[in-house]
Amino acid sequence: MPKRKNVKVTQENDSGLNQKFQVGNRELTRGQFADEIEQGKHPGYHNAKMNGKRIPRSNPDRKKKNNLE
């Protein structure tokens, strides 16, 4: 399985929804990151749908160390 890129959450809204992500040396909005996940650019991640929004998620693997924070 390909190694996940180093992804960190850099901004959340008041309800805790992740808004911006640091992916390598780039900062992406939730929508941009979701687009790239759908394009297959980020193995190890998928989008969930919640209230009509695409929510990036790391694929489960029992390791808390690599969860989006």
PDB file of N, CA and C in Angstrom:
ATOM      1  N   MET A   1       0.834  -1.172   0.000  1.00  0.00           N
ATOM      2  CA  MET A   1       0.000   0.000   0.000  1.00  0.00           C
ATOM      3  C   MET A   1       0.886   1.244   0.000  1.00  0.00           C
ATOM      4  N   PRO A   2       0.562   2.255  -0.847  1.00  0.00           N
ATOM      5  CA  PRO A   2       1.373   3.462  -0.903  1.00  0.00           C
ATOM      6  C   PRO A   2       1.350   4.216   0.418  1.00  0.00           C
ATOM      7  N   LYS A   3       2.460   4.873   0.705  1.00  0.00           N
ATOM      8  CA  LYS A   3       2.560   5.646   1.940  1.00  0.00           C
ATOM      9  C   LYS A   3       1.723   6.917   1.843  1.00  0.00           C
ATOM     10  N   ARG A   4       1.043   7.265   2.934  1.00  0.00           N
ATOM     11  CA  ARG A   4       0.258   8.492   2.985  1.00  0.00           C
ATOM     12  C   ARG A   4       1.185   9.696   3.024  1.00  0.00           C
ATOM     13  N   LYS A   5       0.748  10.756   2.380  1.00  0.00           N
ATOM     14  CA  LYS A   5       1.478  12.014   2.473  1.00  0.00           C
ATOM     15  C   LYS A   5       1.221  12.621   3.842  1.00  0.00           C
ATOM     16  N   ASN A   6       2.135  13.471   4.268  1.00  0.00           N
ATOM     17  CA  ASN A   6       1.979  14.147   5.543  1.00  0.00           C
ATOM     18  C   ASN A   6       0.925  15.245   5.387  1.00  0.00           C
ATOM     19  N   VAL A   7      -0.233  15.057   6.003  1.00  0.00           N
ATOM     20  CA  VAL A   7      -1.347  15.995   5.916  1.00  0.00           C
ATOM     21  C   VAL A   7      -1.712  16.438   7.325  1.00  0.00           C
ATOM     22  N   LYS A   8      -1.838  17.759   7.513  1.00  0.00           N
ATOM     23  CA  LYS A   8      -2.243  18.305   8.806  1.00  0.00           C
ATOM     24  C   LYS A   8      -3.379  19.287   8.599  1.00  0.00           C
ATOM     25  N   VAL A   9      -4.277  19.332   9.544  1.00  0.00           N
ATOM     26  CA  VAL A   9      -5.359  20.317   9.536  1.00  0.00           C
ATOM     27  C   VAL A   9      -4.793  21.621  10.077  1.00  0.00           C
ATOM     28  N   THR A  10      -5.010  22.716   9.332  1.00  0.00           N
ATOM     29  CA  THR A  10      -4.486  24.015   9.765  1.00  0.00           C
ATOM     30  C   THR A  10      -5.584  24.988  10.179  1.00  0.00           C
ATOM     31  N   GLN A  11      -6.841  24.684   9.847  1.00  0.00           N
ATOM     32  CA  GLN A  11      -7.936  25.568  10.249  1.00  0.00           C
ATOM     33  C   GLN A  11      -9.223  24.777  10.383  1.00  0.00           C
ATOM     34  N   GLU A  12      -9.959  25.049  11.458  1.00  0.00           N
ATOM     35  CA  GLU A  12     -11.280  24.468  11.696  1.00  0.00           C
ATOM     36  C   GLU A  12     -12.281  25.606  11.858  1.00  0.00           C
ATOM     37  N   ASN A  13     -13.555  25.331  11.567  1.00  0.00           N
ATOM     38  CA  ASN A  13     -14.577  26.346  11.853  1.00  0.00           C
ATOM     39  C   ASN A  13     -15.025  26.202  13.303  1.00  0.00           C
ATOM     40  N   ASP A  14     -15.989  27.004  13.728  1.00  0.00           N
ATOM     41  CA  ASP A  14     -16.435  27.003  15.126  1.00  0.00           C
ATOM     42  C   ASP A  14     -16.995  25.662  15.588  1.00  0.00           C
ATOM     43  N   SER A  15     -17.550  24.881  14.649  1.00  0.00           N
ATOM     44  CA  SER A  15     -18.112  23.578  15.024  1.00  0.00           C
ATOM     45  C   SER A  15     -17.071  22.454  14.957  1.00  0.00           C
ATOM     46  N   GLY A  16     -15.838  22.782  14.568  1.00  0.00           N
ATOM     47  CA  GLY A  16     -14.781  21.783  14.518  1.00  0.00           C
ATOM     48  C   GLY A  16     -14.578  21.141  13.162  1.00  0.00           C
ATOM     49  N   LEU A  17     -15.329  21.590  12.139  1.00  0.00           N
ATOM     50  CA  LEU A  17     -15.166  21.054  10.791  1.00  0.00           C
ATOM     51  C   LEU A  17     -13.838  21.527  10.216  1.00  0.00           C
ATOM     52  N   ASN A  18     -13.027  20.592   9.720  1.00  0.00           N
ATOM     53  CA  ASN A  18     -11.739  20.932   9.124  1.00  0.00           C
ATOM     54  C   ASN A  18     -11.958  21.771   7.869  1.00  0.00           C
ATOM     55  N   GLN A  19     -11.300  22.919   7.791  1.00  0.00           N
ATOM     56  CA  GLN A  19     -11.473  23.848   6.678  1.00  0.00           C
ATOM     57  C   GLN A  19     -10.259  23.928   5.758  1.00  0.00           C
ATOM     58  N   LYS A  20      -9.048  23.891   6.341  1.00  0.00           N
ATOM     59  CA  LYS A  20      -7.824  23.989   5.545  1.00  0.00           C
ATOM     60  C   LYS A  20      -6.848  22.910   5.985  1.00  0.00           C
ATOM     61  N   PHE A  21      -6.052  22.467   5.010  1.00  0.00           N
ATOM     62  CA  PHE A  21      -5.122  21.367   5.221  1.00  0.00           C
ATOM     63  C   PHE A  21      -3.750  21.732   4.678  1.00  0.00           C
ATOM     64  N   GLN A  22      -2.703  21.361   5.405  1.00  0.00           N
ATOM     65  CA  GLN A  22      -1.336  21.495   4.924  1.00  0.00           C
ATOM     66  C   GLN A  22      -0.956  20.147   4.331  1.00  0.00           C
ATOM     67  N   VAL A  23      -0.693  20.137   3.029  1.00  0.00           N
ATOM     68  CA  VAL A  23      -0.324  18.912   2.319  1.00  0.00           C
ATOM     69  C   VAL A  23       1.052  19.162   1.721  1.00  0.00           C
ATOM     70  N   GLY A  24       2.076  18.574   2.349  1.00  0.00           N
ATOM     71  CA  GLY A  24       3.437  18.900   1.932  1.00  0.00           C
ATOM     72  C   GLY A  24       3.682  20.368   2.208  1.00  0.00           C
ATOM     73  N   ASN A  25       4.067  21.118   1.156  1.00  0.00           N
ATOM     74  CA  ASN A  25       4.306  22.552   1.346  1.00  0.00           C
ATOM     75  C   ASN A  25       3.144  23.405   0.822  1.00  0.00           C
ATOM     76  N   ARG A  26       1.991  22.780   0.556  1.00  0.00           N
ATOM     77  CA  ARG A  26       0.823  23.498   0.028  1.00  0.00           C
ATOM     78  C   ARG A  26      -0.283  23.553   1.067  1.00  0.00           C
ATOM     79  N   GLU A  27      -1.030  24.672   1.075  1.00  0.00           N
ATOM     80  CA  GLU A  27      -2.220  24.759   1.906  1.00  0.00           C
ATOM     81  C   GLU A  27      -3.431  24.672   0.991  1.00  0.00           C
ATOM     82  N   LEU A  28      -4.321  23.715   1.289  1.00  0.00           N
ATOM     83  CA  LEU A  28      -5.501  23.472   0.474  1.00  0.00           C
ATOM     84  C   LEU A  28      -6.766  23.695   1.300  1.00  0.00           C
ATOM     85  N   THR A  29      -7.819  24.169   0.645  1.00  0.00           N
ATOM     86  CA  THR A  29      -9.125  24.217   1.292  1.00  0.00           C
ATOM     87  C   THR A  29      -9.680  22.800   1.361  1.00  0.00           C
ATOM     88  N   ARG A  30     -10.747  22.623   2.133  1.00  0.00           N
ATOM     89  CA  ARG A  30     -11.387  21.309   2.212  1.00  0.00           C
ATOM     90  C   ARG A  30     -11.823  20.848   0.828  1.00  0.00           C
ATOM     91  N   GLY A  31     -12.397  21.758   0.033  1.00  0.00           N
ATOM     92  CA  GLY A  31     -12.847  21.410  -1.309  1.00  0.00           C
ATOM     93  C   GLY A  31     -11.715  21.009  -2.228  1.00  0.00           C
ATOM     94  N   GLN A  32     -10.603  21.741  -2.170  1.00  0.00           N
ATOM     95  CA  GLN A  32      -9.445  21.408  -3.005  1.00  0.00           C
ATOM     96  C   GLN A  32      -8.882  20.043  -2.626  1.00  0.00           C
ATOM     97  N   PHE A  33      -8.770  19.796  -1.316  1.00  0.00           N
ATOM     98  CA  PHE A  33      -8.249  18.514  -0.857  1.00  0.00           C
ATOM     99  C   PHE A  33      -9.195  17.392  -1.266  1.00  0.00           C
ATOM    100  N   ALA A  34     -10.501  17.607  -1.123  1.00  0.00           N
ATOM    101  CA  ALA A  34     -11.494  16.601  -1.516  1.00  0.00           C
ATOM    102  C   ALA A  34     -11.396  16.314  -3.021  1.00  0.00           C
ATOM    103  N   ASP A  35     -11.218  17.354  -3.834  1.00  0.00           N
ATOM    104  CA  ASP A  35     -11.051  17.152  -5.284  1.00  0.00           C
ATOM    105  C   ASP A  35      -9.848  16.270  -5.574  1.00  0.00           C
ATOM    106  N   GLU A  36      -8.728  16.569  -4.928  1.00  0.00           N
ATOM    107  CA  GLU A  36      -7.506  15.794  -5.166  1.00  0.00           C
ATOM    108  C   GLU A  36      -7.655  14.356  -4.686  1.00  0.00           C
ATOM    109  N   ILE A  37      -8.380  14.137  -3.595  1.00  0.00           N
ATOM    110  CA  ILE A  37      -8.641  12.768  -3.130  1.00  0.00           C
ATOM    111  C   ILE A  37      -9.423  12.016  -4.205  1.00  0.00           C
ATOM    112  N   GLU A  38     -10.453  12.654  -4.753  1.00  0.00           N
ATOM    113  CA  GLU A  38     -11.264  12.013  -5.795  1.00  0.00           C
ATOM    114  C   GLU A  38     -10.463  11.751  -7.065  1.00  0.00           C
ATOM    115  N   GLN A  39      -9.447  12.549  -7.317  1.00  0.00           N
ATOM    116  CA  GLN A  39      -8.584  12.357  -8.484  1.00  0.00           C
ATOM    117  C   GLN A  39      -7.527  11.282  -8.234  1.00  0.00           C
ATOM    118  N   GLY A  40      -7.504  10.718  -7.036  1.00  0.00           N
ATOM    119  CA  GLY A  40      -6.560   9.651  -6.717  1.00  0.00           C
ATOM    120  C   GLY A  40      -5.180  10.139  -6.342  1.00  0.00           C
ATOM    121  N   LYS A  41      -5.041  11.411  -6.005  1.00  0.00           N
ATOM    122  CA  LYS A  41      -3.730  11.972  -5.688  1.00  0.00           C
ATOM    123  C   LYS A  41      -3.288  11.709  -4.252  1.00  0.00           C
ATOM    124  N   HIS A  42      -4.197  11.211  -3.409  1.00  0.00           N
ATOM    125  CA  HIS A  42      -3.867  10.995  -2.002  1.00  0.00           C
ATOM    126  C   HIS A  42      -4.317   9.610  -1.548  1.00  0.00           C
ATOM    127  N   PRO A  43      -3.532   8.578  -1.882  1.00  0.00           N
ATOM    128  CA  PRO A  43      -3.869   7.232  -1.404  1.00  0.00           C
ATOM    129  C   PRO A  43      -3.907   7.232   0.121  1.00  0.00           C
ATOM    130  N   GLY A  44      -4.816   6.482   0.666  1.00  0.00           N
ATOM    131  CA  GLY A  44      -4.933   6.432   2.116  1.00  0.00           C
ATOM    132  C   GLY A  44      -5.966   7.398   2.659  1.00  0.00           C
ATOM    133  N   TYR A  45      -6.628   8.150   1.760  1.00  0.00           N
ATOM    134  CA  TYR A  45      -7.670   9.082   2.172  1.00  0.00           C
ATOM    135  C   TYR A  45      -8.910   8.860   1.315  1.00  0.00           C
ATOM    136  N   HIS A  46     -10.068   9.183   1.871  1.00  0.00           N
ATOM    137  CA  HIS A  46     -11.329   9.106   1.141  1.00  0.00           C
ATOM    138  C   HIS A  46     -12.208  10.265   1.597  1.00  0.00           C
ATOM    139  N   ASN A  47     -13.269  10.531   0.872  1.00  0.00           N
ATOM    140  CA  ASN A  47     -14.220  11.572   1.244  1.00  0.00           C
ATOM    141  C   ASN A  47     -15.487  10.933   1.785  1.00  0.00           C
ATOM    142  N   ALA A  48     -15.954  11.458   2.890  1.00  0.00           N
ATOM    143  CA  ALA A  48     -17.260  11.088   3.430  1.00  0.00           C
ATOM    144  C   ALA A  48     -18.211  12.234   3.095  1.00  0.00           C
ATOM    145  N   LYS A  49     -19.495  11.949   3.003  1.00  0.00           N
ATOM    146  CA  LYS A  49     -20.502  12.990   2.762  1.00  0.00           C
ATOM    147  C   LYS A  49     -21.249  13.244   4.060  1.00  0.00           C
ATOM    148  N   MET A  50     -21.352  14.530   4.440  1.00  0.00           N
ATOM    149  CA  MET A  50     -22.091  14.889   5.630  1.00  0.00           C
ATOM    150  C   MET A  50     -22.781  16.231   5.364  1.00  0.00           C
ATOM    151  N   ASN A  51     -24.102  16.227   5.466  1.00  0.00           N
ATOM    152  CA  ASN A  51     -24.883  17.444   5.209  1.00  0.00           C
ATOM    153  C   ASN A  51     -24.561  18.046   3.838  1.00  0.00           C
ATOM    154  N   GLY A  52     -24.330  17.178   2.846  1.00  0.00           N
ATOM    155  CA  GLY A  52     -24.058  17.629   1.488  1.00  0.00           C
ATOM    156  C   GLY A  52     -22.631  18.084   1.251  1.00  0.00           C
ATOM    157  N   LYS A  53     -21.761  17.989   2.251  1.00  0.00           N
ATOM    158  CA  LYS A  53     -20.365  18.411   2.113  1.00  0.00           C
ATOM    159  C   LYS A  53     -19.458  17.198   2.034  1.00  0.00           C
ATOM    160  N   ARG A  54     -18.408  17.310   1.237  1.00  0.00           N
ATOM    161  CA  ARG A  54     -17.384  16.261   1.184  1.00  0.00           C
ATOM    162  C   ARG A  54     -16.399  16.516   2.325  1.00  0.00           C
ATOM    163  N   ILE A  55     -16.196  15.499   3.138  1.00  0.00           N
ATOM    164  CA  ILE A  55     -15.338  15.612   4.304  1.00  0.00           C
ATOM    165  C   ILE A  55     -14.158  14.649   4.140  1.00  0.00           C
ATOM    166  N   PRO A  56     -12.934  15.175   3.940  1.00  0.00           N
ATOM    167  CA  PRO A  56     -11.769  14.283   3.816  1.00  0.00           C
ATOM    168  C   PRO A  56     -11.544  13.488   5.096  1.00  0.00           C
ATOM    169  N   ARG A  57     -11.246  12.219   4.921  1.00  0.00           N
ATOM    170  CA  ARG A  57     -10.977  11.316   6.035  1.00  0.00           C
ATOM    171  C   ARG A  57      -9.797  10.429   5.666  1.00  0.00           C
ATOM    172  N   SER A  58      -9.006  10.097   6.670  1.00  0.00           N
ATOM    173  CA  SER A  58      -7.963   9.101   6.437  1.00  0.00           C
ATOM    174  C   SER A  58      -8.610   7.724   6.517  1.00  0.00           C
ATOM    175  N   ASN A  59      -8.130   6.805   5.686  1.00  0.00           N
ATOM    176  CA  ASN A  59      -8.661   5.445   5.711  1.00  0.00           C
ATOM    177  C   ASN A  59      -8.289   4.794   7.041  1.00  0.00           C
ATOM    178  N   PRO A  60      -9.202   4.046   7.642  1.00  0.00           N
ATOM    179  CA  PRO A  60      -8.931   3.441   8.945  1.00  0.00           C
ATOM    180  C   PRO A  60      -7.825   2.394   8.868  1.00  0.00           C
ATOM    181  N   ASP A  61      -6.950   2.421   9.868  1.00  0.00           N
ATOM    182  CA  ASP A  61      -5.891   1.415   9.942  1.00  0.00           C
ATOM    183  C   ASP A  61      -5.480   1.108  11.382  1.00  0.00           C
ATOM    184  N   ARG A  62      -6.285   1.528  12.355  1.00  0.00           N
ATOM    185  CA  ARG A  62      -6.060   1.272  13.779  1.00  0.00           C
ATOM    186  C   ARG A  62      -4.916   2.074  14.388  1.00  0.00           C
ATOM    187  N   LYS A  63      -4.314   2.996  13.639  1.00  0.00           N
ATOM    188  CA  LYS A  63      -3.228   3.823  14.160  1.00  0.00           C
ATOM    189  C   LYS A  63      -3.743   5.234  14.395  1.00  0.00           C
ATOM    190  N   LYS A  64      -3.700   5.697  15.628  1.00  0.00           N
ATOM    191  CA  LYS A  64      -4.128   7.059  15.924  1.00  0.00           C
ATOM    192  C   LYS A  64      -3.079   8.072  15.459  1.00  0.00           C
ATOM    193  N   LYS A  65      -1.835   7.633  15.375  1.00  0.00           N
ATOM    194  CA  LYS A  65      -0.718   8.525  15.036  1.00  0.00           C
ATOM    195  C   LYS A  65      -0.935   9.237  13.687  1.00  0.00           C
ATOM    196  N   ASN A  66      -1.584   8.576  12.732  1.00  0.00           N
ATOM    197  CA  ASN A  66      -1.701   9.173  11.408  1.00  0.00           C
ATOM    198  C   ASN A  66      -3.113   9.698  11.098  1.00  0.00           C
ATOM    199  N   ASN A  67      -3.948   9.884  12.107  1.00  0.00           N
ATOM    200  CA  ASN A  67      -5.273  10.451  11.900  1.00  0.00           C
ATOM    201  C   ASN A  67      -5.155  11.946  11.638  1.00  0.00           C
ATOM    202  N   LEU A  68      -6.108  12.507  10.885  1.00  0.00           N
ATOM    203  CA  LEU A  68      -6.114  13.949  10.666  1.00  0.00           C
ATOM    204  C   LEU A  68      -6.403  14.644  11.982  1.00  0.00           C
ATOM    205  N   GLU A  69      -5.612  15.640  12.303  1.00  0.00           N
ATOM    206  CA  GLU A  69      -5.807  16.400  13.549  1.00  0.00           C
ATOM    207  C   GLU A  69      -5.943  17.867  13.225  1.00  0.00           C
TER     208      GLU A  69
END
